[in-house]
Amino acid sequence: MQDIENKVAVITGAASGIGLGIAIKCATEGMKVVLADFDEINLKKAEDQIRKITPDVMAVITDVSKLESVEFLAKRTLEAYNQVDLLINNAGVGGP
């Protein structure tokens, strides 16, 4: 994808680490960014940080280990932006 300005990126595991780094890069390149993570406190901090770069950011509390949570993420994203151009499935689900 060469022209990414105004495209929509959805990033799981976006509250910290690699996910947050990817979200920052997407925002600085002009993308609309949907942040997804189960860590509500750090997700809000990440949203505030990205909002300094672009107003086109939305945070959705998401637990990728639960289908209904992922479906809610998809629903909220499509309601807000009507599209997903880039999906970064960064969140991990740990085993026992």
PDB file of N, CA and C in Angstrom:
ATOM      1  N   MET A   1       0.857  -1.161   0.000  1.00  0.00           N
ATOM      2  CA  MET A   1       0.000   0.000   0.000  1.00  0.00           C
ATOM      3  C   MET A   1       0.908   1.230   0.000  1.00  0.00           C
ATOM      4  N   GLN A   2       0.862   1.996  -1.067  1.00  0.00           N
ATOM      5  CA  GLN A   2       1.728   3.161  -1.165  1.00  0.00           C
ATOM      6  C   GLN A   2       1.075   4.425  -0.634  1.00  0.00           C
ATOM      7  N   ASP A   3      -0.188   4.625  -0.925  1.00  0.00           N
ATOM      8  CA  ASP A   3      -0.889   5.825  -0.476  1.00  0.00           C
ATOM      9  C   ASP A   3      -1.666   5.483   0.785  1.00  0.00           C
ATOM     10  N   ILE A   4      -1.101   5.810   1.944  1.00  0.00           N
ATOM     11  CA  ILE A   4      -1.745   5.407   3.202  1.00  0.00           C
ATOM     12  C   ILE A   4      -2.458   6.556   3.915  1.00  0.00           C
ATOM     13  N   GLU A   5      -2.298   7.778   3.428  1.00  0.00           N
ATOM     14  CA  GLU A   5      -2.965   8.902   4.075  1.00  0.00           C
ATOM     15  C   GLU A   5      -4.474   8.704   4.040  1.00  0.00           C
ATOM     16  N   ASN A   6      -5.113   8.914   5.186  1.00  0.00           N
ATOM     17  CA  ASN A   6      -6.556   8.763   5.387  1.00  0.00           C
ATOM     18  C   ASN A   6      -7.050   7.316   5.321  1.00  0.00           C
ATOM     19  N   LYS A   7      -6.140   6.359   5.278  1.00  0.00           N
ATOM     20  CA  LYS A   7      -6.525   4.953   5.376  1.00  0.00           C
ATOM     21  C   LYS A   7      -6.717   4.627   6.858  1.00  0.00           C
ATOM     22  N   VAL A   8      -7.366   3.511   7.136  1.00  0.00           N
ATOM     23  CA  VAL A   8      -7.688   3.137   8.514  1.00  0.00           C
ATOM     24  C   VAL A   8      -6.844   1.934   8.943  1.00  0.00           C
ATOM     25  N   ALA A   9      -6.132   2.120  10.041  1.00  0.00           N
ATOM     26  CA  ALA A   9      -5.325   1.045  10.626  1.00  0.00           C
ATOM     27  C   ALA A   9      -5.962   0.602  11.935  1.00  0.00           C
ATOM     28  N   VAL A  10      -6.121  -0.698  12.106  1.00  0.00           N
ATOM     29  CA  VAL A  10      -6.599  -1.283  13.353  1.00  0.00           C
ATOM     30  C   VAL A  10      -5.429  -2.076  13.927  1.00  0.00           C
ATOM     31  N   ILE A  11      -5.080  -1.769  15.168  1.00  0.00           N
ATOM     32  CA  ILE A  11      -3.905  -2.384  15.774  1.00  0.00           C
ATOM     33  C   ILE A  11      -4.280  -2.987  17.120  1.00  0.00           C
ATOM     34  N   THR A  12      -4.132  -4.298  17.240  1.00  0.00           N
ATOM     35  CA  THR A  12      -4.372  -4.951  18.526  1.00  0.00           C
ATOM     36  C   THR A  12      -3.070  -4.928  19.328  1.00  0.00           C
ATOM     37  N   GLY A  13      -3.201  -4.998  20.633  1.00  0.00           N
ATOM     38  CA  GLY A  13      -2.022  -4.903  21.488  1.00  0.00           C
ATOM     39  C   GLY A  13      -1.388  -3.528  21.403  1.00  0.00           C
ATOM     40  N   ALA A  14      -2.225  -2.499  21.218  1.00  0.00           N
ATOM     41  CA  ALA A  14      -1.737  -1.152  20.922  1.00  0.00           C
ATOM     42  C   ALA A  14      -1.476  -0.283  22.142  1.00  0.00           C
ATOM     43  N   ALA A  15      -1.674  -0.800  23.338  1.00  0.00           N
ATOM     44  CA  ALA A  15      -1.505   0.025  24.531  1.00  0.00           C
ATOM     45  C   ALA A  15      -0.043   0.238  24.909  1.00  0.00           C
ATOM     46  N   SER A  16       0.846  -0.581  24.357  1.00  0.00           N
ATOM     47  CA  SER A  16       2.263  -0.454  24.717  1.00  0.00           C
ATOM     48  C   SER A  16       3.119  -1.214  23.708  1.00  0.00           C
ATOM     49  N   GLY A  17       4.416  -1.071  23.858  1.00  0.00           N
ATOM     50  CA  GLY A  17       5.371  -1.852  23.089  1.00  0.00           C
ATOM     51  C   GLY A  17       5.280  -1.681  21.588  1.00  0.00           C
ATOM     52  N   ILE A  18       5.431  -2.789  20.874  1.00  0.00           N
ATOM     53  CA  ILE A  18       5.426  -2.786  19.412  1.00  0.00           C
ATOM     54  C   ILE A  18       4.115  -2.231  18.872  1.00  0.00           C
ATOM     55  N   GLY A  19       2.993  -2.622  19.459  1.00  0.00           N
ATOM     56  CA  GLY A  19       1.697  -2.150  18.992  1.00  0.00           C
ATOM     57  C   GLY A  19       1.588  -0.635  19.067  1.00  0.00           C
ATOM     58  N   LEU A  20       2.027  -0.054  20.163  1.00  0.00           N
ATOM     59  CA  LEU A  20       1.998   1.401  20.304  1.00  0.00           C
ATOM     60  C   LEU A  20       2.947   2.051  19.307  1.00  0.00           C
ATOM     61  N   GLY A  21       4.098   1.469  19.126  1.00  0.00           N
ATOM     62  CA  GLY A  21       5.061   2.002  18.147  1.00  0.00           C
ATOM     63  C   GLY A  21       4.488   2.009  16.741  1.00  0.00           C
ATOM     64  N   ILE A  22       3.810   0.937  16.366  1.00  0.00           N
ATOM     65  CA  ILE A  22       3.177   0.871  15.048  1.00  0.00           C
ATOM     66  C   ILE A  22       2.071   1.921  14.943  1.00  0.00           C
ATOM     67  N   ALA A  23       1.293   2.072  16.011  1.00  0.00           N
ATOM     68  CA  ALA A  23       0.211   3.064  16.009  1.00  0.00           C
ATOM     69  C   ALA A  23       0.754   4.476  15.829  1.00  0.00           C
ATOM     70  N   ILE A  24       1.834   4.789  16.506  1.00  0.00           N
ATOM     71  CA  ILE A  24       2.454   6.110  16.373  1.00  0.00           C
ATOM     72  C   ILE A  24       2.908   6.329  14.935  1.00  0.00           C
ATOM     73  N   LYS A  25       3.546   5.341  14.349  1.00  0.00           N
ATOM     74  CA  LYS A  25       4.019   5.462  12.959  1.00  0.00           C
ATOM     75  C   LYS A  25       2.841   5.648  12.006  1.00  0.00           C
ATOM     76  N   CYS A  26       1.785   4.878  12.180  1.00  0.00           N
ATOM     77  CA  CYS A  26       0.612   5.011  11.321  1.00  0.00           C
ATOM     78  C   CYS A  26       0.016   6.408  11.434  1.00  0.00           C
ATOM     79  N   ALA A  27      -0.076   6.915  12.649  1.00  0.00           N
ATOM     80  CA  ALA A  27      -0.636   8.253  12.861  1.00  0.00           C
ATOM     81  C   ALA A  27       0.239   9.322  12.211  1.00  0.00           C
ATOM     82  N   THR A  28       1.545   9.204  12.355  1.00  0.00           N
ATOM     83  CA  THR A  28       2.436  10.216  11.772  1.00  0.00           C
ATOM     84  C   THR A  28       2.415  10.173  10.247  1.00  0.00           C
ATOM     85  N   GLU A  29       2.037   9.042   9.683  1.00  0.00           N
ATOM     86  CA  GLU A  29       1.926   8.919   8.225  1.00  0.00           C
ATOM     87  C   GLU A  29       0.556   9.353   7.708  1.00  0.00           C
ATOM     88  N   GLY A  30      -0.327   9.805   8.623  1.00  0.00           N
ATOM     89  CA  GLY A  30      -1.622  10.341   8.208  1.00  0.00           C
ATOM     90  C   GLY A  30      -2.773   9.356   8.223  1.00  0.00           C
ATOM     91  N   MET A  31      -2.569   8.218   8.836  1.00  0.00           N
ATOM     92  CA  MET A  31      -3.635   7.224   8.903  1.00  0.00           C
ATOM     93  C   MET A  31      -4.594   7.516  10.053  1.00  0.00           C
ATOM     94  N   LYS A  32      -5.811   7.038   9.927  1.00  0.00           N
ATOM     95  CA  LYS A  32      -6.765   7.002  11.025  1.00  0.00           C
ATOM     96  C   LYS A  32      -6.435   5.735  11.801  1.00  0.00           C
ATOM     97  N   VAL A  33      -6.412   5.823  13.128  1.00  0.00           N
ATOM     98  CA  VAL A  33      -5.894   4.717  13.923  1.00  0.00           C
ATOM     99  C   VAL A  33      -6.929   4.241  14.937  1.00  0.00           C
ATOM    100  N   VAL A  34      -7.159   2.930  14.945  1.00  0.00           N
ATOM    101  CA  VAL A  34      -8.013   2.297  15.942  1.00  0.00           C
ATOM    102  C   VAL A  34      -7.099   1.458  16.828  1.00  0.00           C
ATOM    103  N   LEU A  35      -7.051   1.828  18.102  1.00  0.00           N
ATOM    104  CA  LEU A  35      -6.218   1.136  19.077  1.00  0.00           C
ATOM    105  C   LEU A  35      -7.058   0.104  19.812  1.00  0.00           C
ATOM    106  N   ALA A  36      -6.563  -1.103  19.919  1.00  0.00           N
ATOM    107  CA  ALA A  36      -7.284  -2.163  20.627  1.00  0.00           C
ATOM    108  C   ALA A  36      -6.348  -2.812  21.637  1.00  0.00           C
ATOM    109  N   ASP A  37      -6.841  -2.973  22.862  1.00  0.00           N
ATOM    110  CA  ASP A  37      -6.072  -3.634  23.906  1.00  0.00           C
ATOM    111  C   ASP A  37      -7.015  -3.923  25.068  1.00  0.00           C
ATOM    112  N   PHE A  38      -6.658  -4.875  25.913  1.00  0.00           N
ATOM    113  CA  PHE A  38      -7.483  -5.171  27.090  1.00  0.00           C
ATOM    114  C   PHE A  38      -7.052  -4.355  28.305  1.00  0.00           C
ATOM    115  N   ASP A  39      -5.896  -3.706  28.221  1.00  0.00           N
ATOM    116  CA  ASP A  39      -5.355  -2.895  29.312  1.00  0.00           C
ATOM    117  C   ASP A  39      -5.952  -1.488  29.224  1.00  0.00           C
ATOM    118  N   GLU A  40      -7.056  -1.289  29.923  1.00  0.00           N
ATOM    119  CA  GLU A  40      -7.827  -0.048  29.809  1.00  0.00           C
ATOM    120  C   GLU A  40      -7.027   1.203  30.167  1.00  0.00           C
ATOM    121  N   ILE A  41      -6.239   1.140  31.212  1.00  0.00           N
ATOM    122  CA  ILE A  41      -5.481   2.307  31.663  1.00  0.00           C
ATOM    123  C   ILE A  41      -4.435   2.718  30.627  1.00  0.00           C
ATOM    124  N   ASN A  42      -3.629   1.758  30.183  1.00  0.00           N
ATOM    125  CA  ASN A  42      -2.600   2.075  29.199  1.00  0.00           C
ATOM    126  C   ASN A  42      -3.187   2.355  27.820  1.00  0.00           C
ATOM    127  N   LEU A  43      -4.333   1.778  27.522  1.00  0.00           N
ATOM    128  CA  LEU A  43      -4.998   2.074  26.252  1.00  0.00           C
ATOM    129  C   LEU A  43      -5.411   3.540  26.206  1.00  0.00           C
ATOM    130  N   LYS A  44      -5.936   4.057  27.305  1.00  0.00           N
ATOM    131  CA  LYS A  44      -6.316   5.469  27.382  1.00  0.00           C
ATOM    132  C   LYS A  44      -5.083   6.356  27.241  1.00  0.00           C
ATOM    133  N   LYS A  45      -3.988   5.982  27.881  1.00  0.00           N
ATOM    134  CA  LYS A  45      -2.741   6.747  27.753  1.00  0.00           C
ATOM    135  C   LYS A  45      -2.251   6.749  26.301  1.00  0.00           C
ATOM    136  N   ALA A  46      -2.339   5.593  25.652  1.00  0.00           N
ATOM    137  CA  ALA A  46      -1.923   5.492  24.252  1.00  0.00           C
ATOM    138  C   ALA A  46      -2.810   6.364  23.362  1.00  0.00           C
ATOM    139  N   GLU A  47      -4.112   6.334  23.627  1.00  0.00           N
ATOM    140  CA  GLU A  47      -5.036   7.167  22.851  1.00  0.00           C
ATOM    141  C   GLU A  47      -4.693   8.646  23.017  1.00  0.00           C
ATOM    142  N   ASP A  48      -4.425   9.070  24.233  1.00  0.00           N
ATOM    143  CA  ASP A  48      -4.056  10.465  24.486  1.00  0.00           C
ATOM    144  C   ASP A  48      -2.763  10.832  23.755  1.00  0.00           C
ATOM    145  N   GLN A  49      -1.812   9.909  23.740  1.00  0.00           N
ATOM    146  CA  GLN A  49      -0.540  10.145  23.055  1.00  0.00           C
ATOM    147  C   GLN A  49      -0.746  10.280  21.544  1.00  0.00           C
ATOM    148  N   ILE A  50      -1.537   9.387  20.962  1.00  0.00           N
ATOM    149  CA  ILE A  50      -1.798   9.426  19.516  1.00  0.00           C
ATOM    150  C   ILE A  50      -2.619  10.657  19.156  1.00  0.00           C
ATOM    151  N   ARG A  51      -3.524  11.064  20.016  1.00  0.00           N
ATOM    152  CA  ARG A  51      -4.370  12.235  19.744  1.00  0.00           C
ATOM    153  C   ARG A  51      -3.527  13.506  19.597  1.00  0.00           C
ATOM    154  N   LYS A  52      -2.325  13.527  20.145  1.00  0.00           N
ATOM    155  CA  LYS A  52      -1.419  14.667  19.959  1.00  0.00           C
ATOM    156  C   LYS A  52      -0.896  14.713  18.525  1.00  0.00           C
ATOM    157  N   ILE A  53      -0.970  13.578  17.831  1.00  0.00           N
ATOM    158  CA  ILE A  53      -0.512  13.486  16.448  1.00  0.00           C
ATOM    159  C   ILE A  53      -1.674  13.689  15.482  1.00  0.00           C
ATOM    160  N   THR A  54      -2.813  13.083  15.799  1.00  0.00           N
ATOM    161  CA  THR A  54      -3.984  13.151  14.925  1.00  0.00           C
ATOM    162  C   THR A  54      -5.264  13.078  15.750  1.00  0.00           C
ATOM    163  N   PRO A  55      -6.301  13.780  15.307  1.00  0.00           N
ATOM    164  CA  PRO A  55      -7.591  13.642  15.996  1.00  0.00           C
ATOM    165  C   PRO A  55      -8.318  12.357  15.587  1.00  0.00           C
ATOM    166  N   ASP A  56      -7.824  11.718  14.528  1.00  0.00           N
ATOM    167  CA  ASP A  56      -8.471  10.510  14.003  1.00  0.00           C
ATOM    168  C   ASP A  56      -7.950   9.264  14.691  1.00  0.00           C
ATOM    169  N   VAL A  57      -8.262   9.146  15.976  1.00  0.00           N
ATOM    170  CA  VAL A  57      -7.862   7.987  16.763  1.00  0.00           C
ATOM    171  C   VAL A  57      -9.039   7.548  17.620  1.00  0.00           C
ATOM    172  N   MET A  58      -9.167   6.253  17.765  1.00  0.00           N
ATOM    173  CA  MET A  58     -10.232   5.694  18.582  1.00  0.00           C
ATOM    174  C   MET A  58      -9.665   4.485  19.327  1.00  0.00           C
ATOM    175  N   ALA A  59      -9.968   4.390  20.607  1.00  0.00           N
ATOM    176  CA  ALA A  59      -9.527   3.256  21.413  1.00  0.00           C
ATOM    177  C   ALA A  59     -10.732   2.377  21.733  1.00  0.00           C
ATOM    178  N   VAL A  60     -10.536   1.076  21.581  1.00  0.00           N
ATOM    179  CA  VAL A  60     -11.593   0.108  21.870  1.00  0.00           C
ATOM    180  C   VAL A  60     -11.009  -0.974  22.769  1.00  0.00           C
ATOM    181  N   ILE A  61     -11.550  -1.096  23.968  1.00  0.00           N
ATOM    182  CA  ILE A  61     -11.099  -2.154  24.871  1.00  0.00           C
ATOM    183  C   ILE A  61     -11.443  -3.492  24.212  1.00  0.00           C
ATOM    184  N   THR A  62     -10.406  -4.311  24.014  1.00  0.00           N
ATOM    185  CA  THR A  62     -10.583  -5.559  23.274  1.00  0.00           C
ATOM    186  C   THR A  62      -9.759  -6.664  23.903  1.00  0.00           C
ATOM    187  N   ASP A  63     -10.395  -7.794  24.117  1.00  0.00           N
ATOM    188  CA  ASP A  63      -9.705  -9.010  24.559  1.00  0.00           C
ATOM    189  C   ASP A  63      -9.733  -9.973  23.373  1.00  0.00           C
ATOM    190  N   VAL A  64      -8.598 -10.114  22.688  1.00  0.00           N
ATOM    191  CA  VAL A  64      -8.571 -10.920  21.464  1.00  0.00           C
ATOM    192  C   VAL A  64      -8.813 -12.408  21.715  1.00  0.00           C
ATOM    193  N   SER A  65      -8.832 -12.823  22.975  1.00  0.00           N
ATOM    194  CA  SER A  65      -9.133 -14.225  23.274  1.00  0.00           C
ATOM    195  C   SER A  65     -10.641 -14.489  23.307  1.00  0.00           C
ATOM    196  N   LYS A  66     -11.434 -13.434  23.148  1.00  0.00           N
ATOM    197  CA  LYS A  66     -12.899 -13.567  23.191  1.00  0.00           C
ATOM    198  C   LYS A  66     -13.497 -13.088  21.877  1.00  0.00           C
ATOM    199  N   LEU A  67     -14.164 -13.991  21.176  1.00  0.00           N
ATOM    200  CA  LEU A  67     -14.745 -13.679  19.873  1.00  0.00           C
ATOM    201  C   LEU A  67     -15.660 -12.468  19.932  1.00  0.00           C
ATOM    202  N   GLU A  68     -16.515 -12.388  20.947  1.00  0.00           N
ATOM    203  CA  GLU A  68     -17.461 -11.275  21.027  1.00  0.00           C
ATOM    204  C   GLU A  68     -16.735  -9.934  21.190  1.00  0.00           C
ATOM    205  N   SER A  69     -15.585  -9.927  21.818  1.00  0.00           N
ATOM    206  CA  SER A  69     -14.808  -8.713  21.974  1.00  0.00           C
ATOM    207  C   SER A  69     -14.210  -8.267  20.634  1.00  0.00           C
ATOM    208  N   VAL A  70     -13.709  -9.212  19.867  1.00  0.00           N
ATOM    209  CA  VAL A  70     -13.157  -8.915  18.544  1.00  0.00           C
ATOM    210  C   VAL A  70     -14.272  -8.456  17.603  1.00  0.00           C
ATOM    211  N   GLU A  71     -15.432  -9.085  17.703  1.00  0.00           N
ATOM    212  CA  GLU A  71     -16.575  -8.657  16.882  1.00  0.00           C
ATOM    213  C   GLU A  71     -16.995  -7.234  17.235  1.00  0.00           C
ATOM    214  N   PHE A  72     -16.939  -6.879  18.515  1.00  0.00           N
ATOM    215  CA  PHE A  72     -17.264  -5.518  18.942  1.00  0.00           C
ATOM    216  C   PHE A  72     -16.254  -4.528  18.366  1.00  0.00           C
ATOM    217  N   LEU A  73     -14.976  -4.891  18.367  1.00  0.00           N
ATOM    218  CA  LEU A  73     -13.939  -4.053  17.761  1.00  0.00           C
ATOM    219  C   LEU A  73     -14.252  -3.803  16.289  1.00  0.00           C
ATOM    220  N   ALA A  74     -14.593  -4.851  15.576  1.00  0.00           N
ATOM    221  CA  ALA A  74     -14.928  -4.711  14.155  1.00  0.00           C
ATOM    222  C   ALA A  74     -16.143  -3.806  13.963  1.00  0.00           C
ATOM    223  N   LYS A  75     -17.160  -4.016  14.769  1.00  0.00           N
ATOM    224  CA  LYS A  75     -18.385  -3.216  14.666  1.00  0.00           C
ATOM    225  C   LYS A  75     -18.096  -1.738  14.907  1.00  0.00           C
ATOM    226  N   ARG A  76     -17.381  -1.436  15.989  1.00  0.00           N
ATOM    227  CA  ARG A  76     -17.072  -0.034  16.315  1.00  0.00           C
ATOM    228  C   ARG A  76     -16.221   0.622  15.225  1.00  0.00           C
ATOM    229  N   THR A  77     -15.266  -0.127  14.691  1.00  0.00           N
ATOM    230  CA  THR A  77     -14.406   0.408  13.637  1.00  0.00           C
ATOM    231  C   THR A  77     -15.219   0.734  12.391  1.00  0.00           C
ATOM    232  N   LEU A  78     -16.066  -0.195  11.978  1.00  0.00           N
ATOM    233  CA  LEU A  78     -16.867   0.021  10.769  1.00  0.00           C
ATOM    234  C   LEU A  78     -17.905   1.114  10.962  1.00  0.00           C
ATOM    235  N   GLU A  79     -18.447   1.231  12.157  1.00  0.00           N
ATOM    236  CA  GLU A  79     -19.385   2.331  12.440  1.00  0.00           C
ATOM    237  C   GLU A  79     -18.676   3.679  12.324  1.00  0.00           C
ATOM    238  N   ALA A  80     -17.452   3.747  12.803  1.00  0.00           N
ATOM    239  CA  ALA A  80     -16.719   5.016  12.821  1.00  0.00           C
ATOM    240  C   ALA A  80     -16.116   5.369  11.460  1.00  0.00           C
ATOM    241  N   TYR A  81     -15.572   4.378  10.770  1.00  0.00           N
ATOM    242  CA  TYR A  81     -14.787   4.668   9.566  1.00  0.00           C
ATOM    243  C   TYR A  81     -15.258   3.947   8.302  1.00  0.00           C
ATOM    244  N   ASN A  82     -16.137   2.977   8.447  1.00  0.00           N
ATOM    245  CA  ASN A  82     -16.710   2.246   7.310  1.00  0.00           C
ATOM    246  C   ASN A  82     -15.683   1.462   6.496  1.00  0.00           C
ATOM    247  N   GLN A  83     -14.509   1.246   7.057  1.00  0.00           N
ATOM    248  CA  GLN A  83     -13.496   0.485   6.331  1.00  0.00           C
ATOM    249  C   GLN A  83     -12.348   0.109   7.266  1.00  0.00           C
ATOM    250  N   VAL A  84     -11.587  -0.877   6.844  1.00  0.00           N
ATOM    251  CA  VAL A  84     -10.315  -1.231   7.477  1.00  0.00           C
ATOM    252  C   VAL A  84      -9.349  -1.470   6.329  1.00  0.00           C
ATOM    253  N   ASP A  85      -8.258  -0.712   6.316  1.00  0.00           N
ATOM    254  CA  ASP A  85      -7.272  -0.844   5.246  1.00  0.00           C
ATOM    255  C   ASP A  85      -6.034  -1.612   5.684  1.00  0.00           C
ATOM    256  N   LEU A  86      -5.763  -1.569   6.982  1.00  0.00           N
ATOM    257  CA  LEU A  86      -4.592  -2.254   7.528  1.00  0.00           C
ATOM    258  C   LEU A  86      -4.949  -2.826   8.879  1.00  0.00           C
ATOM    259  N   LEU A  87      -4.726  -4.118   9.052  1.00  0.00           N
ATOM    260  CA  LEU A  87      -4.962  -4.774  10.335  1.00  0.00           C
ATOM    261  C   LEU A  87      -3.632  -5.328  10.835  1.00  0.00           C
ATOM    262  N   ILE A  88      -3.232  -4.850  12.000  1.00  0.00           N
ATOM    263  CA  ILE A  88      -2.017  -5.354  12.643  1.00  0.00           C
ATOM    264  C   ILE A  88      -2.477  -6.163  13.844  1.00  0.00           C
ATOM    265  N   ASN A  89      -2.404  -7.473  13.723  1.00  0.00           N
ATOM    266  CA  ASN A  89      -2.841  -8.377  14.782  1.00  0.00           C
ATOM    267  C   ASN A  89      -1.652  -8.661  15.692  1.00  0.00           C
ATOM    268  N   ASN A  90      -1.330  -7.685  16.517  1.00  0.00           N
ATOM    269  CA  ASN A  90      -0.141  -7.704  17.347  1.00  0.00           C
ATOM    270  C   ASN A  90      -0.370  -8.352  18.719  1.00  0.00           C
ATOM    271  N   ALA A  91      -1.589  -8.350  19.205  1.00  0.00           N
ATOM    272  CA  ALA A  91      -1.871  -8.873  20.536  1.00  0.00           C
ATOM    273  C   ALA A  91      -1.638 -10.379  20.579  1.00  0.00           C
ATOM    274  N   GLY A  92      -1.087 -10.826  21.672  1.00  0.00           N
ATOM    275  CA  GLY A  92      -0.860 -12.246  21.848  1.00  0.00           C
ATOM    276  C   GLY A  92      -1.793 -12.830  22.898  1.00  0.00           C
ATOM    277  N   VAL A  93      -2.079 -14.099  22.736  1.00  0.00           N
ATOM    278  CA  VAL A  93      -2.879 -14.822  23.714  1.00  0.00           C
ATOM    279  C   VAL A  93      -1.983 -15.904  24.282  1.00  0.00           C
ATOM    280  N   GLY A  94      -1.658 -15.771  25.576  1.00  0.00           N
ATOM    281  CA  GLY A  94      -0.746 -16.720  26.211  1.00  0.00           C
ATOM    282  C   GLY A  94      -1.424 -18.027  26.572  1.00  0.00           C
ATOM    283  N   GLY A  95      -0.677 -19.084  26.475  1.00  0.00           N
ATOM    284  CA  GLY A  95      -1.170 -20.401  26.880  1.00  0.00           C
ATOM    285  C   GLY A  95      -0.897 -20.657  28.346  1.00  0.00           C
ATOM    286  N   PRO A  96      -1.228 -21.849  28.811  1.00  0.00           N
ATOM    287  CA  PRO A  96      -1.023 -22.165  30.230  1.00  0.00           C
ATOM    288  C   PRO A  96       0.446 -22.251  30.600  1.00  0.00           C
TER     289      PRO A  96
END
